[in-house]
Amino acid sequence: MEEIIKAFSVNVDMAIEARDLVRGAANQEIPGVEEQVEKMEQVKITTITIKDESGAQKMGRPIGTYVTIESPPLKINDPYVKDEIIQAMEKTMPLLIGTTLAPDATVLLVGLGNWRATPDALGPKFIEYSPITRHYHHYAPEALVEGMRPCCGIAPGVLGITGLETFEVIKGIVEKVQPALLIVVDSLAAQNVERIGTSIQMCNTGIQPGAGIGNERQTLNQEGLGIPVIAIGCPTIVNASVIAGQAIKKFCEDSGAIYNEVTSVSSIKDVLSFFGGSLAVTPKEVDDIIENTSRIIAMGVAKSIFPGIEREQLELYAT
């Protein structure tokens, strides 16, 4: 699989998949990287902490904390599972935020992605279902539930629609609004079809818009924006080369044929040459996955930045 990822320049969005690639078949621990696993009834929480430059180089991502919440029933609209995932997000978000936010500190929510393309619409949908309160603080404070902080949100779209780089848009808003925290939500690319709609990744290292499909833009992180950035995402696509590689390998294992990775990569390149070697695949039920996951992430974030506020009250302030 590592050869396919290199040959097709496939981006590995999820830290948990990057860890598996680095460990390889030997499943050895990675120096400079710590891992903790916690299991709930329907949810598995894996926290990967990259502690130094050695671990960062091996993992191919910045020093920081990466939390993956896995639940196969996530893609099914099960209220019980939904509640447990929201609880898991509420429990782990403080670990990423690090410091206690002042009650009057503003939080900026950003939903990345293209609202015209369903697999890429997770971010805009997240904004749609998130409680937005900053304007109430200015114009109608009496309409707020006690304890609600200022929260604002934007779905900036993509360069092909707006002609604006996402970083430029967010940087301008940060300079004007001066939030204490930025939370960014985006669709991710997975290296395993089983992760589509079943995993949520959260990290405190920022995010590079468009990286999952090879359209890399300037990274949204604390270094560039001057405030802490938490990135949250859910896999909605898988590169076709990865699926083809997995299928060829499984066929060889099941039939007793000899697997040759070089030949496999060459064959996949021939088939995908019409698409320039790049083809992203998403399931037909992706609209349901986006709808369900965006609601879960929105409420998980809301419960984290509005502690003590009931869900029914938070839903009243959704856009």
C-alpha atoms as a PDB file:
ATOM      1  CA  MET A   1       0.000   0.000   0.000  1.00  0.00           C
ATOM      2  CA  GLU A   2       2.878   2.364   0.736  1.00  0.00           C
ATOM      3  CA  GLU A   3       4.120   1.999  -2.862  1.00  0.00           C
ATOM      4  CA  ILE A   4       0.678   2.875  -4.243  1.00  0.00           C
ATOM      5  CA  ILE A   5       0.476   5.960  -2.019  1.00  0.00           C
ATOM      6  CA  LYS A   6       3.898   7.095  -3.266  1.00  0.00           C
ATOM      7  CA  ALA A   7       3.246   6.238  -6.919  1.00  0.00           C
ATOM      8  CA  PHE A   8      -0.053   8.144  -7.062  1.00  0.00           C
ATOM      9  CA  SER A   9       0.954  10.917  -4.604  1.00  0.00           C
ATOM     10  CA  VAL A  10      -2.023  10.029  -2.420  1.00  0.00           C
ATOM     11  CA  ASN A  11      -2.371  12.302   0.600  1.00  0.00           C
ATOM     12  CA  VAL A  12      -2.826  10.599   3.976  1.00  0.00           C
ATOM     13  CA  ASP A  13      -5.219  12.869   5.880  1.00  0.00           C
ATOM     14  CA  MET A  14      -5.708  10.727   8.962  1.00  0.00           C
ATOM     15  CA  ALA A  15      -2.988  10.386  11.592  1.00  0.00           C
ATOM     16  CA  ILE A  16      -4.204   6.927  12.540  1.00  0.00           C
ATOM     17  CA  GLU A  17      -3.630   5.724   8.959  1.00  0.00           C
ATOM     18  CA  ALA A  18      -0.234   7.434   8.802  1.00  0.00           C
ATOM     19  CA  ARG A  19       0.669   5.563  11.980  1.00  0.00           C
ATOM     20  CA  ASP A  20      -0.322   2.238  10.433  1.00  0.00           C
ATOM     21  CA  LEU A  21       1.781   2.958   7.341  1.00  0.00           C
ATOM     22  CA  VAL A  22       4.852   3.832   9.419  1.00  0.00           C
ATOM     23  CA  ARG A  23       4.473   0.818  11.680  1.00  0.00           C
ATOM     24  CA  GLY A  24       4.155  -1.516   8.726  1.00  0.00           C
ATOM     25  CA  ALA A  25       3.727  -5.262   9.047  1.00  0.00           C
ATOM     26  CA  ALA A  26       6.023  -5.387  12.106  1.00  0.00           C
ATOM     27  CA  ASN A  27       3.609  -3.111  14.021  1.00  0.00           C
ATOM     28  CA  GLN A  28       6.501  -1.536  15.930  1.00  0.00           C
ATOM     29  CA  GLU A  29       6.165   1.506  18.155  1.00  0.00           C
ATOM     30  CA  ILE A  30       7.247   4.814  16.601  1.00  0.00           C
ATOM     31  CA  PRO A  31       9.886   6.825  18.515  1.00  0.00           C
ATOM     32  CA  GLY A  32       8.568  10.235  19.513  1.00  0.00           C
ATOM     33  CA  VAL A  33       4.936   9.136  19.171  1.00  0.00           C
ATOM     34  CA  GLU A  34       2.600   8.123  22.004  1.00  0.00           C
ATOM     35  CA  GLU A  35      -0.771   6.446  21.645  1.00  0.00           C
ATOM     36  CA  GLN A  36      -3.699   5.982  24.021  1.00  0.00           C
ATOM     37  CA  VAL A  37      -6.857   4.005  23.289  1.00  0.00           C
ATOM     38  CA  GLU A  38     -10.145   4.287  25.149  1.00  0.00           C
ATOM     39  CA  LYS A  39     -13.265   2.275  24.409  1.00  0.00           C
ATOM     40  CA  MET A  40     -16.843   3.257  25.108  1.00  0.00           C
ATOM     41  CA  GLU A  41     -19.874   1.125  24.315  1.00  0.00           C
ATOM     42  CA  GLN A  42     -20.150   2.095  20.638  1.00  0.00           C
ATOM     43  CA  VAL A  43     -17.066   4.280  20.232  1.00  0.00           C
ATOM     44  CA  LYS A  44     -13.290   3.828  20.168  1.00  0.00           C
ATOM     45  CA  ILE A  45     -11.140   6.891  20.902  1.00  0.00           C
ATOM     46  CA  THR A  46      -7.502   6.807  19.761  1.00  0.00           C
ATOM     47  CA  THR A  47      -5.273   9.686  20.849  1.00  0.00           C
ATOM     48  CA  ILE A  48      -1.958   9.970  19.025  1.00  0.00           C
ATOM     49  CA  THR A  49       0.521  12.516  20.371  1.00  0.00           C
ATOM     50  CA  ILE A  50       3.519  13.458  18.241  1.00  0.00           C
ATOM     51  CA  LYS A  51       5.997  14.714  20.819  1.00  0.00           C
ATOM     52  CA  ASP A  52       9.119  15.713  18.898  1.00  0.00           C
ATOM     53  CA  GLU A  53      10.615  16.342  15.475  1.00  0.00           C
ATOM     54  CA  SER A  54      11.689  12.729  15.124  1.00  0.00           C
ATOM     55  CA  GLY A  55       8.090  11.547  15.457  1.00  0.00           C
ATOM     56  CA  ALA A  56       6.866  14.359  13.207  1.00  0.00           C
ATOM     57  CA  GLN A  57       9.247  13.359  10.417  1.00  0.00           C
ATOM     58  CA  LYS A  58       8.292   9.690  10.637  1.00  0.00           C
ATOM     59  CA  MET A  59       4.557  10.443  10.712  1.00  0.00           C
ATOM     60  CA  GLY A  60       4.750  13.155   8.061  1.00  0.00           C
ATOM     61  CA  ARG A  61       2.721  15.653  10.067  1.00  0.00           C
ATOM     62  CA  PRO A  62       3.327  18.396  12.660  1.00  0.00           C
ATOM     63  CA  ILE A  63       3.975  17.963  16.377  1.00  0.00           C
ATOM     64  CA  GLY A  64       0.646  17.928  18.211  1.00  0.00           C
ATOM     65  CA  THR A  65      -2.308  15.845  19.346  1.00  0.00           C
ATOM     66  CA  TYR A  66      -4.565  13.859  17.009  1.00  0.00           C
ATOM     67  CA  VAL A  67      -7.792  12.293  18.280  1.00  0.00           C
ATOM     68  CA  THR A  68      -9.704   9.781  16.169  1.00  0.00           C
ATOM     69  CA  ILE A  69     -13.225   8.789  17.183  1.00  0.00           C
ATOM     70  CA  GLU A  70     -14.241   5.580  15.449  1.00  0.00           C
ATOM     71  CA  SER A  71     -17.734   4.116  15.352  1.00  0.00           C
ATOM     72  CA  PRO A  72     -18.973   1.971  12.436  1.00  0.00           C
ATOM     73  CA  PRO A  73     -22.613   2.903  13.239  1.00  0.00           C
ATOM     74  CA  LEU A  74     -21.684   6.599  12.830  1.00  0.00           C
ATOM     75  CA  LYS A  75     -22.931   6.557   9.229  1.00  0.00           C
ATOM     76  CA  ILE A  76     -26.298   5.245  10.436  1.00  0.00           C
ATOM     77  CA  ASN A  77     -28.606   7.812  12.009  1.00  0.00           C
ATOM     78  CA  ASP A  78     -28.808   6.040  15.386  1.00  0.00           C
ATOM     79  CA  PRO A  79     -29.708   8.504  18.191  1.00  0.00           C
ATOM     80  CA  TYR A  80     -27.922   6.438  20.868  1.00  0.00           C
ATOM     81  CA  VAL A  81     -24.691   6.224  18.873  1.00  0.00           C
ATOM     82  CA  LYS A  82     -24.996   9.907  17.998  1.00  0.00           C
ATOM     83  CA  ASP A  83     -25.197  10.817  21.694  1.00  0.00           C
ATOM     84  CA  GLU A  84     -22.130   8.748  22.544  1.00  0.00           C
ATOM     85  CA  ILE A  85     -20.039  10.317  19.754  1.00  0.00           C
ATOM     86  CA  ILE A  86     -21.058  13.804  20.927  1.00  0.00           C
ATOM     87  CA  GLN A  87     -20.023  12.826  24.464  1.00  0.00           C
ATOM     88  CA  ALA A  88     -16.671  11.588  23.139  1.00  0.00           C
ATOM     89  CA  MET A  89     -16.092  14.896  21.332  1.00  0.00           C
ATOM     90  CA  GLU A  90     -17.096  16.912  24.382  1.00  0.00           C
ATOM     91  CA  LYS A  91     -14.708  14.831  26.497  1.00  0.00           C
ATOM     92  CA  THR A  92     -11.658  15.127  24.210  1.00  0.00           C
ATOM     93  CA  MET A  93     -11.967  18.700  22.893  1.00  0.00           C
ATOM     94  CA  PRO A  94     -10.507  20.277  26.086  1.00  0.00           C
ATOM     95  CA  LEU A  95      -7.365  18.196  25.502  1.00  0.00           C
ATOM     96  CA  LEU A  96      -6.947  19.906  22.128  1.00  0.00           C
ATOM     97  CA  ILE A  97      -7.879  23.404  23.272  1.00  0.00           C
ATOM     98  CA  GLY A  98      -5.310  23.159  26.057  1.00  0.00           C
ATOM     99  CA  THR A  99      -6.219  26.341  27.917  1.00  0.00           C
ATOM    100  CA  THR A 100      -9.499  27.416  29.479  1.00  0.00           C
ATOM    101  CA  LEU A 101     -11.377  29.904  27.323  1.00  0.00           C
ATOM    102  CA  ALA A 102     -12.665  33.022  29.044  1.00  0.00           C
ATOM    103  CA  PRO A 103     -16.499  33.134  29.204  1.00  0.00           C
ATOM    104  CA  ASP A 104     -16.562  36.146  26.881  1.00  0.00           C
ATOM    105  CA  ALA A 105     -13.899  34.821  24.440  1.00  0.00           C
ATOM    106  CA  THR A 106     -15.065  34.664  20.830  1.00  0.00           C
ATOM    107  CA  VAL A 107     -14.854  31.398  18.882  1.00  0.00           C
ATOM    108  CA  LEU A 108     -14.726  31.428  15.075  1.00  0.00           C
ATOM    109  CA  LEU A 109     -16.108  28.384  13.250  1.00  0.00           C
ATOM    110  CA  VAL A 110     -15.014  27.743   9.657  1.00  0.00           C
ATOM    111  CA  GLY A 111     -16.640  25.207   7.356  1.00  0.00           C
ATOM    112  CA  LEU A 112     -14.270  24.410   4.509  1.00  0.00           C
ATOM    113  CA  GLY A 113     -15.335  22.816   1.240  1.00  0.00           C
ATOM    114  CA  ASN A 114     -17.506  23.144  -1.824  1.00  0.00           C
ATOM    115  CA  TRP A 115     -21.223  23.237  -1.049  1.00  0.00           C
ATOM    116  CA  ARG A 116     -21.928  22.284  -4.695  1.00  0.00           C
ATOM    117  CA  ALA A 117     -20.158  18.909  -4.329  1.00  0.00           C
ATOM    118  CA  THR A 118     -21.833  16.663  -1.759  1.00  0.00           C
ATOM    119  CA  PRO A 119     -18.705  14.760  -0.574  1.00  0.00           C
ATOM    120  CA  ASP A 120     -17.016  18.128   0.033  1.00  0.00           C
ATOM    121  CA  ALA A 121     -19.986  19.807   1.734  1.00  0.00           C
ATOM    122  CA  LEU A 122     -19.287  18.664   5.306  1.00  0.00           C
ATOM    123  CA  GLY A 123     -17.841  22.045   6.324  1.00  0.00           C
ATOM    124  CA  PRO A 124     -20.669  24.240   4.991  1.00  0.00           C
ATOM    125  CA  LYS A 125     -23.244  21.866   6.509  1.00  0.00           C
ATOM    126  CA  PHE A 126     -21.441  22.060   9.846  1.00  0.00           C
ATOM    127  CA  ILE A 127     -21.866  25.843   9.835  1.00  0.00           C
ATOM    128  CA  GLU A 128     -25.559  25.437   8.999  1.00  0.00           C
ATOM    129  CA  TYR A 129     -26.165  23.347  12.130  1.00  0.00           C
ATOM    130  CA  SER A 130     -23.888  25.242  14.536  1.00  0.00           C
ATOM    131  CA  PRO A 131     -25.173  27.761  17.104  1.00  0.00           C
ATOM    132  CA  ILE A 132     -24.154  31.295  16.044  1.00  0.00           C
ATOM    133  CA  THR A 133     -24.384  33.882  18.811  1.00  0.00           C
ATOM    134  CA  ARG A 134     -21.938  36.762  18.258  1.00  0.00           C
ATOM    135  CA  HIS A 135     -24.559  39.083  16.768  1.00  0.00           C
ATOM    136  CA  TYR A 136     -26.878  38.497  19.721  1.00  0.00           C
ATOM    137  CA  HIS A 137     -24.174  39.797  22.069  1.00  0.00           C
ATOM    138  CA  HIS A 138     -24.114  43.025  20.050  1.00  0.00           C
ATOM    139  CA  TYR A 139     -27.796  43.551  19.277  1.00  0.00           C
ATOM    140  CA  ALA A 140     -29.987  41.369  21.528  1.00  0.00           C
ATOM    141  CA  PRO A 141     -28.125  40.047  24.598  1.00  0.00           C
ATOM    142  CA  GLU A 142     -31.420  39.403  26.342  1.00  0.00           C
ATOM    143  CA  ALA A 143     -32.175  36.700  23.752  1.00  0.00           C
ATOM    144  CA  LEU A 144     -29.178  34.597  24.851  1.00  0.00           C
ATOM    145  CA  VAL A 145     -29.166  31.774  27.362  1.00  0.00           C
ATOM    146  CA  GLU A 146     -26.940  32.701  30.288  1.00  0.00           C
ATOM    147  CA  GLY A 147     -23.391  31.457  29.779  1.00  0.00           C
ATOM    148  CA  MET A 148     -23.347  31.540  25.979  1.00  0.00           C
ATOM    149  CA  ARG A 149     -20.119  32.995  24.584  1.00  0.00           C
ATOM    150  CA  PRO A 150     -19.827  34.927  21.277  1.00  0.00           C
ATOM    151  CA  CYS A 151     -19.550  32.457  18.400  1.00  0.00           C
ATOM    152  CA  CYS A 152     -19.440  33.305  14.695  1.00  0.00           C
ATOM    153  CA  GLY A 153     -19.093  31.132  11.613  1.00  0.00           C
ATOM    154  CA  ILE A 154     -18.323  31.228   7.908  1.00  0.00           C
ATOM    155  CA  ALA A 155     -18.230  28.817   4.965  1.00  0.00           C
ATOM    156  CA  PRO A 156     -15.725  30.597   2.675  1.00  0.00           C
ATOM    157  CA  GLY A 157     -16.212  28.280  -0.301  1.00  0.00           C
ATOM    158  CA  VAL A 158     -13.372  27.218  -2.567  1.00  0.00           C
ATOM    159  CA  LEU A 159     -10.988  29.091  -4.842  1.00  0.00           C
ATOM    160  CA  GLY A 160     -12.736  27.890  -8.008  1.00  0.00           C
ATOM    161  CA  ILE A 161     -16.009  29.497  -6.922  1.00  0.00           C
ATOM    162  CA  THR A 162     -14.884  32.617  -5.067  1.00  0.00           C
ATOM    163  CA  GLY A 163     -11.513  33.427  -6.632  1.00  0.00           C
ATOM    164  CA  LEU A 164     -10.227  33.906  -3.085  1.00  0.00           C
ATOM    165  CA  GLU A 165      -7.667  31.818  -1.233  1.00  0.00           C
ATOM    166  CA  THR A 166      -9.205  30.383   1.933  1.00  0.00           C
ATOM    167  CA  PHE A 167      -6.247  31.533   4.012  1.00  0.00           C
ATOM    168  CA  GLU A 168      -6.718  35.120   2.818  1.00  0.00           C
ATOM    169  CA  VAL A 169     -10.390  35.090   3.806  1.00  0.00           C
ATOM    170  CA  ILE A 170      -9.809  33.555   7.236  1.00  0.00           C
ATOM    171  CA  LYS A 171      -6.777  35.752   7.968  1.00  0.00           C
ATOM    172  CA  GLY A 172      -8.836  38.873   7.271  1.00  0.00           C
ATOM    173  CA  ILE A 173     -11.672  37.731   9.527  1.00  0.00           C
ATOM    174  CA  VAL A 174      -9.278  36.799  12.338  1.00  0.00           C
ATOM    175  CA  GLU A 175      -7.623  40.224  12.187  1.00  0.00           C
ATOM    176  CA  LYS A 176     -10.993  41.997  12.297  1.00  0.00           C
ATOM    177  CA  VAL A 177     -12.930  39.809  14.763  1.00  0.00           C
ATOM    178  CA  GLN A 178      -9.949  38.733  16.922  1.00  0.00           C
ATOM    179  CA  PRO A 179     -11.336  35.370  18.093  1.00  0.00           C
ATOM    180  CA  ALA A 180      -9.579  33.417  20.845  1.00  0.00           C
ATOM    181  CA  LEU A 181     -10.014  30.089  19.034  1.00  0.00           C
ATOM    182  CA  LEU A 182     -10.580  28.879  15.470  1.00  0.00           C
ATOM    183  CA  ILE A 183     -12.353  25.570  14.791  1.00  0.00           C
ATOM    184  CA  VAL A 184     -12.174  24.321  11.201  1.00  0.00           C
ATOM    185  CA  VAL A 185     -14.230  21.459   9.750  1.00  0.00           C
ATOM    186  CA  ASP A 186     -13.516  19.797   6.409  1.00  0.00           C
ATOM    187  CA  SER A 187     -14.036  16.551   4.492  1.00  0.00           C
ATOM    188  CA  LEU A 188     -11.067  14.161   4.518  1.00  0.00           C
ATOM    189  CA  ALA A 189      -9.700  11.482   2.212  1.00  0.00           C
ATOM    190  CA  ALA A 190      -9.287   7.975   3.661  1.00  0.00           C
ATOM    191  CA  GLN A 191      -6.995   5.113   2.688  1.00  0.00           C
ATOM    192  CA  ASN A 192      -9.560   2.477   3.638  1.00  0.00           C
ATOM    193  CA  VAL A 193     -13.167   2.307   2.452  1.00  0.00           C
ATOM    194  CA  GLU A 194     -14.230   1.188   5.933  1.00  0.00           C
ATOM    195  CA  ARG A 195     -13.369   4.637   7.324  1.00  0.00           C
ATOM    196  CA  ILE A 196     -15.806   6.564   5.113  1.00  0.00           C
ATOM    197  CA  GLY A 197     -18.491   7.969   7.375  1.00  0.00           C
ATOM    198  CA  THR A 198     -17.249   5.988  10.380  1.00  0.00           C
ATOM    199  CA  SER A 199     -14.389   8.106  11.780  1.00  0.00           C
ATOM    200  CA  ILE A 200     -13.973  11.663  13.029  1.00  0.00           C
ATOM    201  CA  GLN A 201     -10.485  13.130  13.410  1.00  0.00           C
ATOM    202  CA  MET A 202      -9.722  16.137  15.589  1.00  0.00           C
ATOM    203  CA  CYS A 203      -6.299  17.763  15.977  1.00  0.00           C
ATOM    204  CA  ASN A 204      -4.665  20.952  17.248  1.00  0.00           C
ATOM    205  CA  THR A 205      -2.175  21.337  14.390  1.00  0.00           C
ATOM    206  CA  GLY A 206      -4.373  23.051  11.820  1.00  0.00           C
ATOM    207  CA  ILE A 207      -5.360  21.903   8.354  1.00  0.00           C
ATOM    208  CA  GLN A 208      -4.301  22.345   4.732  1.00  0.00           C
ATOM    209  CA  PRO A 209      -7.423  22.970   2.598  1.00  0.00           C
ATOM    210  CA  GLY A 210      -7.701  20.758  -0.481  1.00  0.00           C
ATOM    211  CA  ALA A 211      -4.838  18.449   0.513  1.00  0.00           C
ATOM    212  CA  GLY A 212      -7.026  15.342   0.357  1.00  0.00           C
ATOM    213  CA  ILE A 213      -7.549  15.738  -3.402  1.00  0.00           C
ATOM    214  CA  GLY A 214      -4.142  17.195  -4.216  1.00  0.00           C
ATOM    215  CA  ASN A 215      -5.174  20.875  -4.347  1.00  0.00           C
ATOM    216  CA  GLU A 216      -2.968  22.011  -1.485  1.00  0.00           C
ATOM    217  CA  ARG A 217      -3.469  25.544  -0.172  1.00  0.00           C
ATOM    218  CA  GLN A 218      -1.770  27.538   2.583  1.00  0.00           C
ATOM    219  CA  THR A 219      -2.152  25.805   5.934  1.00  0.00           C
ATOM    220  CA  LEU A 220      -4.600  27.192   8.469  1.00  0.00           C
ATOM    221  CA  ASN A 221      -2.635  26.906  11.715  1.00  0.00           C
ATOM    222  CA  GLN A 222      -1.566  28.902  14.745  1.00  0.00           C
ATOM    223  CA  GLU A 223       1.705  29.910  13.146  1.00  0.00           C
ATOM    224  CA  GLY A 224      -0.029  31.590  10.215  1.00  0.00           C
ATOM    225  CA  LEU A 225      -3.136  32.936  11.957  1.00  0.00           C
ATOM    226  CA  GLY A 226      -1.812  33.779  15.411  1.00  0.00           C
ATOM    227  CA  ILE A 227      -4.506  31.902  17.361  1.00  0.00           C
ATOM    228  CA  PRO A 228      -5.042  28.232  18.303  1.00  0.00           C
ATOM    229  CA  VAL A 229      -6.605  26.188  15.503  1.00  0.00           C
ATOM    230  CA  ILE A 230      -8.515  22.937  15.962  1.00  0.00           C
ATOM    231  CA  ALA A 231      -9.205  20.965  12.791  1.00  0.00           C
ATOM    232  CA  ILE A 232     -12.008  18.403  12.602  1.00  0.00           C
ATOM    233  CA  GLY A 233     -12.862  16.145   9.697  1.00  0.00           C
ATOM    234  CA  CYS A 234     -14.557  12.979   8.525  1.00  0.00           C
ATOM    235  CA  PRO A 235     -13.438  10.857   5.545  1.00  0.00           C
ATOM    236  CA  THR A 236     -15.873  11.021   2.640  1.00  0.00           C
ATOM    237  CA  ILE A 237     -13.714   9.829  -0.290  1.00  0.00           C
ATOM    238  CA  VAL A 238     -11.074   7.211  -1.088  1.00  0.00           C
ATOM    239  CA  ASN A 239      -8.598   7.368  -3.959  1.00  0.00           C
ATOM    240  CA  ALA A 240      -9.463   4.764  -6.612  1.00  0.00           C
ATOM    241  CA  SER A 241      -5.839   3.612  -6.755  1.00  0.00           C
ATOM    242  CA  VAL A 242      -6.031   2.586  -3.098  1.00  0.00           C
ATOM    243  CA  ILE A 243      -9.224   0.560  -3.638  1.00  0.00           C
ATOM    244  CA  ALA A 244      -7.761  -1.106  -6.723  1.00  0.00           C
ATOM    245  CA  GLY A 245      -4.556  -1.961  -4.868  1.00  0.00           C
ATOM    246  CA  GLN A 246      -6.444  -3.480  -1.951  1.00  0.00           C
ATOM    247  CA  ALA A 247      -8.665  -5.485  -4.313  1.00  0.00           C
ATOM    248  CA  ILE A 248      -5.702  -6.890  -6.288  1.00  0.00           C
ATOM    249  CA  LYS A 249      -3.857  -7.862  -3.106  1.00  0.00           C
ATOM    250  CA  LYS A 250      -6.913  -9.574  -1.617  1.00  0.00           C
ATOM    251  CA  PHE A 251      -7.533 -11.469  -4.858  1.00  0.00           C
ATOM    252  CA  CYS A 252      -3.972 -12.786  -4.783  1.00  0.00           C
ATOM    253  CA  GLU A 253      -4.284 -13.802  -1.135  1.00  0.00           C
ATOM    254  CA  ASP A 254      -7.619 -15.573  -1.682  1.00  0.00           C
ATOM    255  CA  SER A 255      -6.637 -17.312  -4.937  1.00  0.00           C
ATOM    256  CA  GLY A 256      -3.082 -18.241  -4.009  1.00  0.00           C
ATOM    257  CA  ALA A 257      -1.617 -16.099  -6.794  1.00  0.00           C
ATOM    258  CA  ILE A 258       1.724 -14.360  -6.253  1.00  0.00           C
ATOM    259  CA  TYR A 259       1.286 -10.666  -5.459  1.00  0.00           C
ATOM    260  CA  ASN A 260       3.682  -8.326  -7.224  1.00  0.00           C
ATOM    261  CA  GLU A 261       3.368  -4.721  -6.060  1.00  0.00           C
ATOM    262  CA  VAL A 262       5.297  -3.271  -9.017  1.00  0.00           C
ATOM    263  CA  THR A 263       3.020  -5.004 -11.528  1.00  0.00           C
ATOM    264  CA  SER A 264      -0.026  -4.005  -9.504  1.00  0.00           C
ATOM    265  CA  VAL A 265       0.942  -0.310  -9.514  1.00  0.00           C
ATOM    266  CA  SER A 266       1.664  -0.433 -13.261  1.00  0.00           C
ATOM    267  CA  SER A 267      -1.721  -2.004 -14.021  1.00  0.00           C
ATOM    268  CA  ILE A 268      -3.579   0.520 -11.886  1.00  0.00           C
ATOM    269  CA  LYS A 269      -1.761   3.372 -13.642  1.00  0.00           C
ATOM    270  CA  ASP A 270      -2.843   2.022 -17.017  1.00  0.00           C
ATOM    271  CA  VAL A 271      -6.490   1.856 -15.963  1.00  0.00           C
ATOM    272  CA  LEU A 272      -6.495   5.297 -14.321  1.00  0.00           C
ATOM    273  CA  SER A 273      -4.417   7.006 -17.008  1.00  0.00           C
ATOM    274  CA  PHE A 274      -7.583   8.486 -18.534  1.00  0.00           C
ATOM    275  CA  PHE A 275      -8.015  10.488 -15.306  1.00  0.00           C
ATOM    276  CA  GLY A 276      -4.370  11.471 -15.061  1.00  0.00           C
ATOM    277  CA  GLY A 277      -3.854   8.787 -12.435  1.00  0.00           C
ATOM    278  CA  SER A 278      -6.188  10.504  -9.978  1.00  0.00           C
ATOM    279  CA  LEU A 279      -9.745   9.426  -9.294  1.00  0.00           C
ATOM    280  CA  ALA A 280     -11.656   9.883  -6.024  1.00  0.00           C
ATOM    281  CA  VAL A 281     -14.503   7.521  -5.114  1.00  0.00           C
ATOM    282  CA  THR A 282     -17.396   8.184  -2.747  1.00  0.00           C
ATOM    283  CA  PRO A 283     -20.398   6.000  -1.789  1.00  0.00           C
ATOM    284  CA  LYS A 284     -23.838   6.660  -3.242  1.00  0.00           C
ATOM    285  CA  GLU A 285     -25.237   7.339   0.257  1.00  0.00           C
ATOM    286  CA  VAL A 286     -22.738  10.151   0.823  1.00  0.00           C
ATOM    287  CA  ASP A 287     -25.560  12.703   1.108  1.00  0.00           C
ATOM    288  CA  ASP A 288     -26.886  10.888   4.194  1.00  0.00           C
ATOM    289  CA  ILE A 289     -23.350  10.584   5.599  1.00  0.00           C
ATOM    290  CA  ILE A 290     -22.738  14.321   5.188  1.00  0.00           C
ATOM    291  CA  GLU A 291     -26.093  15.246   6.711  1.00  0.00           C
ATOM    292  CA  ASN A 292     -25.708  12.956   9.728  1.00  0.00           C
ATOM    293  CA  THR A 293     -22.023  13.631  10.385  1.00  0.00           C
ATOM    294  CA  SER A 294     -22.307  17.413  10.070  1.00  0.00           C
ATOM    295  CA  ARG A 295     -25.078  17.449  12.678  1.00  0.00           C
ATOM    296  CA  ILE A 296     -23.013  15.285  15.052  1.00  0.00           C
ATOM    297  CA  ILE A 297     -19.851  17.374  14.672  1.00  0.00           C
ATOM    298  CA  ALA A 298     -21.818  20.625  15.056  1.00  0.00           C
ATOM    299  CA  MET A 299     -23.348  19.459  18.327  1.00  0.00           C
ATOM    300  CA  GLY A 300     -20.085  17.962  19.596  1.00  0.00           C
ATOM    301  CA  VAL A 301     -18.326  21.289  19.010  1.00  0.00           C
ATOM    302  CA  ALA A 302     -21.253  23.252  20.483  1.00  0.00           C
ATOM    303  CA  LYS A 303     -21.290  21.207  23.685  1.00  0.00           C
ATOM    304  CA  SER A 304     -17.537  21.808  23.990  1.00  0.00           C
ATOM    305  CA  ILE A 305     -17.553  25.595  23.560  1.00  0.00           C
ATOM    306  CA  PHE A 306     -20.859  26.146  25.385  1.00  0.00           C
ATOM    307  CA  PRO A 307     -20.395  23.949  28.476  1.00  0.00           C
ATOM    308  CA  GLY A 308     -23.479  23.460  30.598  1.00  0.00           C
ATOM    309  CA  ILE A 309     -25.928  24.563  27.886  1.00  0.00           C
ATOM    310  CA  GLU A 310     -28.570  21.969  26.988  1.00  0.00           C
ATOM    311  CA  ARG A 311     -28.696  20.580  23.461  1.00  0.00           C
ATOM    312  CA  GLU A 312     -32.261  21.759  22.877  1.00  0.00           C
ATOM    313  CA  GLN A 313     -31.190  25.311  23.724  1.00  0.00           C
ATOM    314  CA  LEU A 314     -28.125  25.152  21.469  1.00  0.00           C
ATOM    315  CA  GLU A 315     -30.232  24.013  18.525  1.00  0.00           C
ATOM    316  CA  LEU A 316     -32.319  27.190  18.782  1.00  0.00           C
ATOM    317  CA  TYR A 317     -29.304  29.262  17.730  1.00  0.00           C
ATOM    318  CA  ALA A 318     -28.357  27.222  14.664  1.00  0.00           C
ATOM    319  CA  THR A 319     -28.359  29.160  11.419  1.00  0.00           C
END
